[in-house]
């Protein structure tokens, strides 16, 4: 899957559950795709938080052992069941892991 629209970078599919922590309360969401600058998630059961900052904890796939911690802002609603998050803070190590994941899973044939 490839998209360059609002995030300005390659997106790749990511099928993973995340903990999205807003004001100290954990909400489980499911990722649809990820880029170096953000992530698209499916709302499961949670209120709207457009414009708010939240903490995220997730793994890049089911076999990855290390949990990634990031801070993100809820930047837009995508229909009634999805919303986009833009990463605002992440350790250099975790940012490199996300970058490697995106590069490894990108479909470069679209660039030809």
PDB file of N, CA and C in Angstrom:
ATOM      1  N   UNK A   1       0.843  -1.181   0.000  1.00  0.00           N
ATOM      2  CA  UNK A   1       0.000   0.000   0.000  1.00  0.00           C
ATOM      3  C   UNK A   1       0.879   1.231   0.000  1.00  0.00           C
ATOM      4  N   UNK A   2       0.559   2.215  -0.827  1.00  0.00           N
ATOM      5  CA  UNK A   2       1.377   3.404  -0.940  1.00  0.00           C
ATOM      6  C   UNK A   2       0.484   4.632  -0.929  1.00  0.00           C
ATOM      7  N   UNK A   3       0.901   5.617  -0.200  1.00  0.00           N
ATOM      8  CA  UNK A   3       0.159   6.863  -0.211  1.00  0.00           C
ATOM      9  C   UNK A   3       1.090   7.992   0.170  1.00  0.00           C
ATOM     10  N   UNK A   4       0.989   9.110  -0.517  1.00  0.00           N
ATOM     11  CA  UNK A   4       1.813  10.272  -0.216  1.00  0.00           C
ATOM     12  C   UNK A   4       0.963  11.483   0.161  1.00  0.00           C
ATOM     13  N   UNK A   5      -0.323  11.289   0.456  1.00  0.00           N
ATOM     14  CA  UNK A   5      -1.195  12.446   0.594  1.00  0.00           C
ATOM     15  C   UNK A   5      -0.844  13.346   1.774  1.00  0.00           C
ATOM     16  N   UNK A   6      -1.596  13.392   2.829  1.00  0.00           N
ATOM     17  CA  UNK A   6      -1.455  14.390   3.877  1.00  0.00           C
ATOM     18  C   UNK A   6      -0.160  14.303   4.674  1.00  0.00           C
ATOM     19  N   UNK A   7       0.406  13.121   4.854  1.00  0.00           N
ATOM     20  CA  UNK A   7       1.593  12.993   5.685  1.00  0.00           C
ATOM     21  C   UNK A   7       2.871  13.378   4.964  1.00  0.00           C
ATOM     22  N   UNK A   8       2.877  13.421   3.652  1.00  0.00           N
ATOM     23  CA  UNK A   8       4.080  13.830   2.936  1.00  0.00           C
ATOM     24  C   UNK A   8       5.173  12.776   2.899  1.00  0.00           C
ATOM     25  N   UNK A   9       4.866  11.543   3.147  1.00  0.00           N
ATOM     26  CA  UNK A   9       5.848  10.465   3.102  1.00  0.00           C
ATOM     27  C   UNK A   9       5.187   9.147   2.798  1.00  0.00           C
ATOM     28  N   UNK A  10       5.985   8.162   2.532  1.00  0.00           N
ATOM     29  CA  UNK A  10       5.446   6.830   2.235  1.00  0.00           C
ATOM     30  C   UNK A  10       4.715   6.258   3.434  1.00  0.00           C
ATOM     31  N   UNK A  11       3.590   5.630   3.161  1.00  0.00           N
ATOM     32  CA  UNK A  11       2.844   4.882   4.178  1.00  0.00           C
ATOM     33  C   UNK A  11       2.914   3.420   3.814  1.00  0.00           C
ATOM     34  N   UNK A  12       2.971   2.592   4.821  1.00  0.00           N
ATOM     35  CA  UNK A  12       2.917   1.149   4.605  1.00  0.00           C
ATOM     36  C   UNK A  12       1.902   0.557   5.573  1.00  0.00           C
ATOM     37  N   UNK A  13       1.354  -0.572   5.191  1.00  0.00           N
ATOM     38  CA  UNK A  13       0.378  -1.226   6.052  1.00  0.00           C
ATOM     39  C   UNK A  13       1.021  -1.642   7.365  1.00  0.00           C
ATOM     40  N   UNK A  14       0.261  -1.525   8.420  1.00  0.00           N
ATOM     41  CA  UNK A  14       0.672  -2.002   9.740  1.00  0.00           C
ATOM     42  C   UNK A  14      -0.586  -2.512  10.419  1.00  0.00           C
ATOM     43  N   UNK A  15      -0.633  -3.795  10.649  1.00  0.00           N
ATOM     44  CA  UNK A  15      -1.765  -4.409  11.332  1.00  0.00           C
ATOM     45  C   UNK A  15      -1.313  -4.734  12.747  1.00  0.00           C
ATOM     46  N   UNK A  16      -1.576  -3.814  13.665  1.00  0.00           N
ATOM     47  CA  UNK A  16      -1.127  -3.988  15.042  1.00  0.00           C
ATOM     48  C   UNK A  16      -2.053  -3.222  15.979  1.00  0.00           C
ATOM     49  N   UNK A  17      -2.168  -3.708  17.195  1.00  0.00           N
ATOM     50  CA  UNK A  17      -2.927  -2.999  18.222  1.00  0.00           C
ATOM     51  C   UNK A  17      -1.986  -2.077  18.971  1.00  0.00           C
ATOM     52  N   UNK A  18      -2.483  -0.912  19.358  1.00  0.00           N
ATOM     53  CA  UNK A  18      -1.712   0.082  20.083  1.00  0.00           C
ATOM     54  C   UNK A  18      -2.446   0.466  21.348  1.00  0.00           C
ATOM     55  N   UNK A  19      -1.692   0.893  22.329  1.00  0.00           N
ATOM     56  CA  UNK A  19      -2.271   1.584  23.470  1.00  0.00           C
ATOM     57  C   UNK A  19      -2.122   3.067  23.185  1.00  0.00           C
ATOM     58  N   UNK A  20      -3.225   3.771  23.214  1.00  0.00           N
ATOM     59  CA  UNK A  20      -3.251   5.218  23.036  1.00  0.00           C
ATOM     60  C   UNK A  20      -3.664   5.789  24.389  1.00  0.00           C
ATOM     61  N   UNK A  21      -2.779   6.543  25.003  1.00  0.00           N
ATOM     62  CA  UNK A  21      -3.000   7.016  26.363  1.00  0.00           C
ATOM     63  C   UNK A  21      -3.313   8.511  26.334  1.00  0.00           C
ATOM     64  N   UNK A  22      -4.524   8.844  26.733  1.00  0.00           N
ATOM     65  CA  UNK A  22      -4.961  10.235  26.762  1.00  0.00           C
ATOM     66  C   UNK A  22      -5.379  10.578  28.188  1.00  0.00           C
ATOM     67  N   UNK A  23      -4.738  11.600  28.737  1.00  0.00           N
ATOM     68  CA  UNK A  23      -5.012  12.035  30.116  1.00  0.00           C
ATOM     69  C   UNK A  23      -4.937  10.878  31.097  1.00  0.00           C
ATOM     70  N   UNK A  24      -3.954   9.998  30.900  1.00  0.00           N
ATOM     71  CA  UNK A  24      -3.727   8.886  31.815  1.00  0.00           C
ATOM     72  C   UNK A  24      -4.625   7.682  31.606  1.00  0.00           C
ATOM     73  N   UNK A  25      -5.540   7.741  30.646  1.00  0.00           N
ATOM     74  CA  UNK A  25      -6.463   6.633  30.395  1.00  0.00           C
ATOM     75  C   UNK A  25      -6.041   5.919  29.113  1.00  0.00           C
ATOM     76  N   UNK A  26      -5.912   4.591  29.203  1.00  0.00           N
ATOM     77  CA  UNK A  26      -5.520   3.781  28.047  1.00  0.00           C
ATOM     78  C   UNK A  26      -6.735   3.438  27.198  1.00  0.00           C
ATOM     79  N   UNK A  27      -6.540   3.576  25.892  1.00  0.00           N
ATOM     80  CA  UNK A  27      -7.545   3.183  24.915  1.00  0.00           C
ATOM     81  C   UNK A  27      -6.851   2.282  23.904  1.00  0.00           C
ATOM     82  N   UNK A  28      -7.445   1.158  23.592  1.00  0.00           N
ATOM     83  CA  UNK A  28      -6.862   0.290  22.587  1.00  0.00           C
ATOM     84  C   UNK A  28      -7.386   0.716  21.213  1.00  0.00           C
ATOM     85  N   UNK A  29      -6.457   0.860  20.269  1.00  0.00           N
ATOM     86  CA  UNK A  29      -6.798   1.176  18.884  1.00  0.00           C
ATOM     87  C   UNK A  29      -6.029   0.216  17.985  1.00  0.00           C
ATOM     88  N   UNK A  30      -6.424   0.161  16.732  1.00  0.00           N
ATOM     89  CA  UNK A  30      -5.769  -0.742  15.785  1.00  0.00           C
ATOM     90  C   UNK A  30      -5.189   0.077  14.633  1.00  0.00           C
ATOM     91  N   UNK A  31      -3.917  -0.135  14.353  1.00  0.00           N
ATOM     92  CA  UNK A  31      -3.246   0.595  13.276  1.00  0.00           C
ATOM     93  C   UNK A  31      -3.665   0.051  11.916  1.00  0.00           C
ATOM     94  N   UNK A  32      -3.792   0.960  10.951  1.00  0.00           N
ATOM     95  CA  UNK A  32      -4.041   0.595   9.557  1.00  0.00           C
ATOM     96  C   UNK A  32      -2.778   0.761   8.732  1.00  0.00           C
ATOM     97  N   UNK A  33      -2.100   1.904   8.947  1.00  0.00           N
ATOM     98  CA  UNK A  33      -0.837   2.133   8.257  1.00  0.00           C
ATOM     99  C   UNK A  33       0.022   3.089   9.054  1.00  0.00           C
ATOM    100  N   UNK A  34       1.307   3.159   8.643  1.00  0.00           N
ATOM    101  CA  UNK A  34       2.274   3.982   9.358  1.00  0.00           C
ATOM    102  C   UNK A  34       3.215   4.618   8.345  1.00  0.00           C
ATOM    103  N   UNK A  35       3.704   5.801   8.676  1.00  0.00           N
ATOM    104  CA  UNK A  35       4.749   6.467   7.912  1.00  0.00           C
ATOM    105  C   UNK A  35       5.778   6.951   8.934  1.00  0.00           C
ATOM    106  N   UNK A  36       6.811   7.608   8.452  1.00  0.00           N
ATOM    107  CA  UNK A  36       7.817   8.127   9.377  1.00  0.00           C
ATOM    108  C   UNK A  36       7.280   9.270  10.228  1.00  0.00           C
ATOM    109  N   UNK A  37       6.196   9.897   9.791  1.00  0.00           N
ATOM    110  CA  UNK A  37       5.678  11.065  10.501  1.00  0.00           C
ATOM    111  C   UNK A  37       4.372  10.841  11.240  1.00  0.00           C
ATOM    112  N   UNK A  38       3.734   9.681  11.024  1.00  0.00           N
ATOM    113  CA  UNK A  38       2.467   9.467  11.703  1.00  0.00           C
ATOM    114  C   UNK A  38       1.882   8.095  11.463  1.00  0.00           C
ATOM    115  N   UNK A  39       0.685   7.911  11.992  1.00  0.00           N
ATOM    116  CA  UNK A  39       0.041   6.605  11.950  1.00  0.00           C
ATOM    117  C   UNK A  39      -1.470   6.803  11.820  1.00  0.00           C
ATOM    118  N   UNK A  40      -2.116   5.933  11.056  1.00  0.00           N
ATOM    119  CA  UNK A  40      -3.567   5.947  10.909  1.00  0.00           C
ATOM    120  C   UNK A  40      -4.120   4.796  11.730  1.00  0.00           C
ATOM    121  N   UNK A  41      -5.071   5.098  12.605  1.00  0.00           N
ATOM    122  CA  UNK A  41      -5.615   4.065  13.484  1.00  0.00           C
ATOM    123  C   UNK A  41      -7.126   3.999  13.379  1.00  0.00           C
ATOM    124  N   UNK A  42      -7.646   2.827  13.687  1.00  0.00           N
ATOM    125  CA  UNK A  42      -9.082   2.598  13.719  1.00  0.00           C
ATOM    126  C   UNK A  42      -9.568   2.738  15.156  1.00  0.00           C
ATOM    127  N   UNK A  43     -10.579   3.519  15.316  1.00  0.00           N
ATOM    128  CA  UNK A  43     -11.175   3.718  16.638  1.00  0.00           C
ATOM    129  C   UNK A  43     -11.912   2.435  17.031  1.00  0.00           C
ATOM    130  N   UNK A  44     -11.711   1.965  18.225  1.00  0.00           N
ATOM    131  CA  UNK A  44     -12.461   0.814  18.720  1.00  0.00           C
ATOM    132  C   UNK A  44     -13.536   1.321  19.674  1.00  0.00           C
ATOM    133  N   UNK A  45     -13.142   1.699  20.871  1.00  0.00           N
ATOM    134  CA  UNK A  45     -14.094   2.288  21.821  1.00  0.00           C
ATOM    135  C   UNK A  45     -13.350   3.416  22.526  1.00  0.00           C
ATOM    136  N   UNK A  46     -13.661   4.624  22.141  1.00  0.00           N
ATOM    137  CA  UNK A  46     -13.057   5.786  22.786  1.00  0.00           C
ATOM    138  C   UNK A  46     -13.760   7.043  22.324  1.00  0.00           C
ATOM    139  N   UNK A  47     -13.673   8.095  23.110  1.00  0.00           N
ATOM    140  CA  UNK A  47     -14.281   9.366  22.716  1.00  0.00           C
ATOM    141  C   UNK A  47     -13.407  10.089  21.682  1.00  0.00           C
ATOM    142  N   UNK A  48     -13.933  11.141  21.082  1.00  0.00           N
ATOM    143  CA  UNK A  48     -13.155  11.964  20.155  1.00  0.00           C
ATOM    144  C   UNK A  48     -12.138  12.789  20.928  1.00  0.00           C
ATOM    145  N   UNK A  49     -10.948  12.922  20.356  1.00  0.00           N
ATOM    146  CA  UNK A  49      -9.887  13.710  20.988  1.00  0.00           C
ATOM    147  C   UNK A  49      -9.147  14.535  19.950  1.00  0.00           C
ATOM    148  N   UNK A  50      -9.829  15.014  18.934  1.00  0.00           N
ATOM    149  CA  UNK A  50      -9.206  15.767  17.859  1.00  0.00           C
ATOM    150  C   UNK A  50      -8.429  16.958  18.407  1.00  0.00           C
ATOM    151  N   UNK A  51      -7.174  17.083  17.990  1.00  0.00           N
ATOM    152  CA  UNK A  51      -6.317  18.183  18.419  1.00  0.00           C
ATOM    153  C   UNK A  51      -5.527  17.921  19.684  1.00  0.00           C
ATOM    154  N   UNK A  52      -5.848  16.861  20.403  1.00  0.00           N
ATOM    155  CA  UNK A  52      -5.159  16.576  21.662  1.00  0.00           C
ATOM    156  C   UNK A  52      -3.893  15.757  21.450  1.00  0.00           C
ATOM    157  N   UNK A  53      -2.978  15.877  22.388  1.00  0.00           N
ATOM    158  CA  UNK A  53      -1.766  15.065  22.404  1.00  0.00           C
ATOM    159  C   UNK A  53      -2.046  13.785  23.182  1.00  0.00           C
ATOM    160  N   UNK A  54      -1.350  12.731  22.794  1.00  0.00           N
ATOM    161  CA  UNK A  54      -1.499  11.462  23.489  1.00  0.00           C
ATOM    162  C   UNK A  54      -0.168  10.720  23.442  1.00  0.00           C
ATOM    163  N   UNK A  55      -0.044   9.738  24.287  1.00  0.00           N
ATOM    164  CA  UNK A  55       1.117   8.854  24.258  1.00  0.00           C
ATOM    165  C   UNK A  55       0.697   7.564  23.574  1.00  0.00           C
ATOM    166  N   UNK A  56       1.635   6.963  22.850  1.00  0.00           N
ATOM    167  CA  UNK A  56       1.387   5.702  22.158  1.00  0.00           C
ATOM    168  C   UNK A  56       2.407   4.677  22.590  1.00  0.00           C
ATOM    169  N   UNK A  57       1.976   3.436  22.697  1.00  0.00           N
ATOM    170  CA  UNK A  57       2.909   2.330  22.862  1.00  0.00           C
ATOM    171  C   UNK A  57       2.470   1.236  21.903  1.00  0.00           C
ATOM    172  N   UNK A  58       3.427   0.774  21.085  1.00  0.00           N
ATOM    173  CA  UNK A  58       3.090  -0.214  20.068  1.00  0.00           C
ATOM    174  C   UNK A  58       4.339  -0.967  19.627  1.00  0.00           C
ATOM    175  N   UNK A  59       4.088  -2.047  18.924  1.00  0.00           N
ATOM    176  CA  UNK A  59       5.156  -2.836  18.317  1.00  0.00           C
ATOM    177  C   UNK A  59       4.928  -2.859  16.817  1.00  0.00           C
ATOM    178  N   UNK A  60       5.994  -2.939  16.083  1.00  0.00           N
ATOM    179  CA  UNK A  60       5.916  -2.973  14.622  1.00  0.00           C
ATOM    180  C   UNK A  60       5.724  -4.410  14.166  1.00  0.00           C
ATOM    181  N   UNK A  61       4.525  -4.891  14.291  1.00  0.00           N
ATOM    182  CA  UNK A  61       4.233  -6.274  13.929  1.00  0.00           C
ATOM    183  C   UNK A  61       4.223  -7.160  15.159  1.00  0.00           C
ATOM    184  N   UNK A  62       3.729  -8.354  14.970  1.00  0.00           N
ATOM    185  CA  UNK A  62       3.524  -9.265  16.093  1.00  0.00           C
ATOM    186  C   UNK A  62       4.807  -9.926  16.588  1.00  0.00           C
ATOM    187  N   UNK A  63       5.845  -9.937  15.770  1.00  0.00           N
ATOM    188  CA  UNK A  63       7.078 -10.631  16.153  1.00  0.00           C
ATOM    189  C   UNK A  63       8.139  -9.690  16.716  1.00  0.00           C
ATOM    190  N   UNK A  64       7.891  -8.410  16.677  1.00  0.00           N
ATOM    191  CA  UNK A  64       8.853  -7.445  17.196  1.00  0.00           C
ATOM    192  C   UNK A  64       8.812  -7.456  18.721  1.00  0.00           C
ATOM    193  N   UNK A  65       9.982  -7.565  19.325  1.00  0.00           N
ATOM    194  CA  UNK A  65      10.056  -7.679  20.779  1.00  0.00           C
ATOM    195  C   UNK A  65      10.021  -6.321  21.482  1.00  0.00           C
ATOM    196  N   UNK A  66      10.532  -5.289  20.850  1.00  0.00           N
ATOM    197  CA  UNK A  66      10.652  -3.993  21.514  1.00  0.00           C
ATOM    198  C   UNK A  66       9.403  -3.135  21.329  1.00  0.00           C
ATOM    199  N   UNK A  67       8.956  -2.563  22.423  1.00  0.00           N
ATOM    200  CA  UNK A  67       7.815  -1.658  22.385  1.00  0.00           C
ATOM    201  C   UNK A  67       8.310  -0.255  22.058  1.00  0.00           C
ATOM    202  N   UNK A  68       7.626   0.391  21.141  1.00  0.00           N
ATOM    203  CA  UNK A  68       7.950   1.766  20.762  1.00  0.00           C
ATOM    204  C   UNK A  68       7.047   2.701  21.555  1.00  0.00           C
ATOM    205  N   UNK A  69       7.665   3.728  22.101  1.00  0.00           N
ATOM    206  CA  UNK A  69       6.932   4.770  22.816  1.00  0.00           C
ATOM    207  C   UNK A  69       7.016   6.041  21.995  1.00  0.00           C
ATOM    208  N   UNK A  70       5.899   6.716  21.820  1.00  0.00           N
ATOM    209  CA  UNK A  70       5.876   7.961  21.058  1.00  0.00           C
ATOM    210  C   UNK A  70       4.820   8.890  21.624  1.00  0.00           C
ATOM    211  N   UNK A  71       4.992  10.143  21.327  1.00  0.00           N
ATOM    212  CA  UNK A  71       3.973  11.150  21.632  1.00  0.00           C
ATOM    213  C   UNK A  71       3.403  11.570  20.288  1.00  0.00           C
ATOM    214  N   UNK A  72       2.092  11.809  20.233  1.00  0.00           N
ATOM    215  CA  UNK A  72       1.453  12.158  18.967  1.00  0.00           C
ATOM    216  C   UNK A  72       0.283  13.099  19.208  1.00  0.00           C
ATOM    217  N   UNK A  73      -0.092  13.791  18.146  1.00  0.00           N
ATOM    218  CA  UNK A  73      -1.267  14.663  18.178  1.00  0.00           C
ATOM    219  C   UNK A  73      -2.314  14.072  17.250  1.00  0.00           C
ATOM    220  N   UNK A  74      -3.560  14.052  17.724  1.00  0.00           N
ATOM    221  CA  UNK A  74      -4.663  13.599  16.888  1.00  0.00           C
ATOM    222  C   UNK A  74      -4.942  14.737  15.910  1.00  0.00           C
ATOM    223  N   UNK A  75      -4.606  14.515  14.620  1.00  0.00           N
ATOM    224  CA  UNK A  75      -4.650  15.621  13.665  1.00  0.00           C
ATOM    225  C   UNK A  75      -5.890  15.663  12.793  1.00  0.00           C
ATOM    226  N   UNK A  76      -6.526  14.519  12.540  1.00  0.00           N
ATOM    227  CA  UNK A  76      -7.755  14.587  11.755  1.00  0.00           C
ATOM    228  C   UNK A  76      -8.554  13.308  11.853  1.00  0.00           C
ATOM    229  N   UNK A  77      -9.870  13.481  11.725  1.00  0.00           N
ATOM    230  CA  UNK A  77     -10.795  12.357  11.632  1.00  0.00           C
ATOM    231  C   UNK A  77     -10.853  11.910  10.184  1.00  0.00           C
ATOM    232  N   UNK A  78     -10.854  10.608   9.977  1.00  0.00           N
ATOM    233  CA  UNK A  78     -10.998  10.045   8.644  1.00  0.00           C
ATOM    234  C   UNK A  78     -12.267   9.206   8.688  1.00  0.00           C
ATOM    235  N   UNK A  79     -13.376   9.824   8.388  1.00  0.00           N
ATOM    236  CA  UNK A  79     -14.647   9.127   8.517  1.00  0.00           C
ATOM    237  C   UNK A  79     -15.020   8.982   9.979  1.00  0.00           C
ATOM    238  N   UNK A  80     -15.901   8.051  10.249  1.00  0.00           N
ATOM    239  CA  UNK A  80     -16.375   7.894  11.623  1.00  0.00           C
ATOM    240  C   UNK A  80     -15.571   6.885  12.424  1.00  0.00           C
ATOM    241  N   UNK A  81     -14.722   6.114  11.754  1.00  0.00           N
ATOM    242  CA  UNK A  81     -14.052   5.035  12.474  1.00  0.00           C
ATOM    243  C   UNK A  81     -12.532   5.122  12.482  1.00  0.00           C
ATOM    244  N   UNK A  82     -11.936   6.105  11.823  1.00  0.00           N
ATOM    245  CA  UNK A  82     -10.478   6.216  11.781  1.00  0.00           C
ATOM    246  C   UNK A  82     -10.043   7.640  12.090  1.00  0.00           C
ATOM    247  N   UNK A  83      -8.808   7.768  12.591  1.00  0.00           N
ATOM    248  CA  UNK A  83      -8.238   9.081  12.772  1.00  0.00           C
ATOM    249  C   UNK A  83      -6.735   9.016  12.573  1.00  0.00           C
ATOM    250  N   UNK A  84      -6.175  10.139  12.164  1.00  0.00           N
ATOM    251  CA  UNK A  84      -4.748  10.237  11.887  1.00  0.00           C
ATOM    252  C   UNK A  84      -4.034  10.862  13.080  1.00  0.00           C
ATOM    253  N   UNK A  85      -2.883  10.316  13.391  1.00  0.00           N
ATOM    254  CA  UNK A  85      -2.032  10.824  14.461  1.00  0.00           C
ATOM    255  C   UNK A  85      -0.699  11.234  13.856  1.00  0.00           C
ATOM    256  N   UNK A  86      -0.194  12.405  14.237  1.00  0.00           N
ATOM    257  CA  UNK A  86       1.110  12.876  13.789  1.00  0.00           C
ATOM    258  C   UNK A  86       2.080  12.757  14.950  1.00  0.00           C
ATOM    259  N   UNK A  87       3.208  12.066  14.727  1.00  0.00           N
ATOM    260  CA  UNK A  87       4.211  11.917  15.779  1.00  0.00           C
ATOM    261  C   UNK A  87       4.794  13.282  16.125  1.00  0.00           C
ATOM    262  N   UNK A  88       4.863  13.583  17.425  1.00  0.00           N
ATOM    263  CA  UNK A  88       5.449  14.844  17.881  1.00  0.00           C
ATOM    264  C   UNK A  88       6.729  14.627  18.676  1.00  0.00           C
ATOM    265  N   UNK A  89       6.912  13.437  19.231  1.00  0.00           N
ATOM    266  CA  UNK A  89       8.136  13.132  19.973  1.00  0.00           C
ATOM    267  C   UNK A  89       8.339  11.623  19.998  1.00  0.00           C
ATOM    268  N   UNK A  90       9.610  11.242  19.827  1.00  0.00           N
ATOM    269  CA  UNK A  90       9.964   9.822  19.827  1.00  0.00           C
ATOM    270  C   UNK A  90      11.480   9.759  19.984  1.00  0.00           C
ATOM    271  N   UNK A  91      11.968   8.753  20.675  1.00  0.00           N
ATOM    272  CA  UNK A  91      13.424   8.623  20.822  1.00  0.00           C
ATOM    273  C   UNK A  91      14.052   8.388  19.447  1.00  0.00           C
ATOM    274  N   UNK A  92      15.310   8.732  19.324  1.00  0.00           N
ATOM    275  CA  UNK A  92      16.019   8.507  18.059  1.00  0.00           C
ATOM    276  C   UNK A  92      16.013   7.034  17.678  1.00  0.00           C
ATOM    277  N   UNK A  93      16.166   6.175  18.655  1.00  0.00           N
ATOM    278  CA  UNK A  93      16.172   4.727  18.395  1.00  0.00           C
ATOM    279  C   UNK A  93      14.819   4.268  17.833  1.00  0.00           C
ATOM    280  N   UNK A  94      13.747   4.700  18.449  1.00  0.00           N
ATOM    281  CA  UNK A  94      12.418   4.301  17.988  1.00  0.00           C
ATOM    282  C   UNK A  94      12.079   4.930  16.639  1.00  0.00           C
ATOM    283  N   UNK A  95      12.510   6.169  16.419  1.00  0.00           N
ATOM    284  CA  UNK A  95      12.297   6.811  15.118  1.00  0.00           C
ATOM    285  C   UNK A  95      13.024   6.024  14.023  1.00  0.00           C
ATOM    286  N   UNK A  96      14.237   5.551  14.326  1.00  0.00           N
ATOM    287  CA  UNK A  96      14.991   4.750  13.358  1.00  0.00           C
ATOM    288  C   UNK A  96      14.294   3.415  13.088  1.00  0.00           C
ATOM    289  N   UNK A  97      13.701   2.818  14.107  1.00  0.00           N
ATOM    290  CA  UNK A  97      12.970   1.566  13.913  1.00  0.00           C
ATOM    291  C   UNK A  97      11.764   1.769  12.997  1.00  0.00           C
ATOM    292  N   UNK A  98      11.032   2.858  13.203  1.00  0.00           N
ATOM    293  CA  UNK A  98       9.881   3.155  12.350  1.00  0.00           C
ATOM    294  C   UNK A  98      10.360   3.385  10.919  1.00  0.00           C
ATOM    295  N   UNK A  99      11.414   4.149  10.764  1.00  0.00           N
ATOM    296  CA  UNK A  99      11.965   4.419   9.421  1.00  0.00           C
ATOM    297  C   UNK A  99      12.364   3.123   8.725  1.00  0.00           C
ATOM    298  N   UNK A 100      13.064   2.251   9.426  1.00  0.00           N
ATOM    299  CA  UNK A 100      13.484   0.972   8.840  1.00  0.00           C
ATOM    300  C   UNK A 100      12.282   0.126   8.452  1.00  0.00           C
ATOM    301  N   UNK A 101      11.256   0.126   9.285  1.00  0.00           N
ATOM    302  CA  UNK A 101      10.049  -0.643   8.983  1.00  0.00           C
ATOM    303  C   UNK A 101       9.387  -0.109   7.709  1.00  0.00           C
ATOM    304  N   UNK A 102       9.247   1.206   7.616  1.00  0.00           N
ATOM    305  CA  UNK A 102       8.609   1.808   6.445  1.00  0.00           C
ATOM    306  C   UNK A 102       9.415   1.501   5.190  1.00  0.00           C
ATOM    307  N   UNK A 103      10.728   1.681   5.255  1.00  0.00           N
ATOM    308  CA  UNK A 103      11.569   1.416   4.085  1.00  0.00           C
ATOM    309  C   UNK A 103      11.527  -0.055   3.675  1.00  0.00           C
ATOM    310  N   UNK A 104      11.502  -0.941   4.644  1.00  0.00           N
ATOM    311  CA  UNK A 104      11.500  -2.377   4.346  1.00  0.00           C
ATOM    312  C   UNK A 104      10.176  -2.842   3.746  1.00  0.00           C
ATOM    313  N   UNK A 105       9.079  -2.165   4.067  1.00  0.00           N
ATOM    314  CA  UNK A 105       7.757  -2.609   3.621  1.00  0.00           C
ATOM    315  C   UNK A 105       7.166  -1.765   2.488  1.00  0.00           C
ATOM    316  N   UNK A 106       7.878  -0.739   2.068  1.00  0.00           N
ATOM    317  CA  UNK A 106       7.375   0.132   0.999  1.00  0.00           C
ATOM    318  C   UNK A 106       7.420  -0.597  -0.340  1.00  0.00           C
ATOM    319  N   UNK A 107       6.456  -0.286  -1.172  1.00  0.00           N
ATOM    320  CA  UNK A 107       6.406  -0.849  -2.518  1.00  0.00           C
ATOM    321  C   UNK A 107       7.093   0.137  -3.454  1.00  0.00           C
ATOM    322  N   UNK A 108       8.350  -0.095  -3.708  1.00  0.00           N
ATOM    323  CA  UNK A 108       9.151   0.834  -4.515  1.00  0.00           C
ATOM    324  C   UNK A 108       8.832   0.745  -5.998  1.00  0.00           C
ATOM    325  N   UNK A 109       8.059  -0.238  -6.405  1.00  0.00           N
ATOM    326  CA  UNK A 109       7.675  -0.330  -7.818  1.00  0.00           C
ATOM    327  C   UNK A 109       6.862   0.871  -8.250  1.00  0.00           C
ATOM    328  N   UNK A 110       6.166   1.485  -7.314  1.00  0.00           N
ATOM    329  CA  UNK A 110       5.361   2.659  -7.639  1.00  0.00           C
ATOM    330  C   UNK A 110       6.227   3.845  -8.057  1.00  0.00           C
ATOM    331  N   UNK A 111       7.511   3.811  -7.696  1.00  0.00           N
ATOM    332  CA  UNK A 111       8.414   4.913  -8.012  1.00  0.00           C
ATOM    333  C   UNK A 111       8.946   4.834  -9.442  1.00  0.00           C
ATOM    334  N   UNK A 112       8.799   3.670 -10.079  1.00  0.00           N
ATOM    335  CA  UNK A 112       9.366   3.484 -11.419  1.00  0.00           C
ATOM    336  C   UNK A 112       8.557   4.163 -12.494  1.00  0.00           C
TER     337      UNK A 112
END
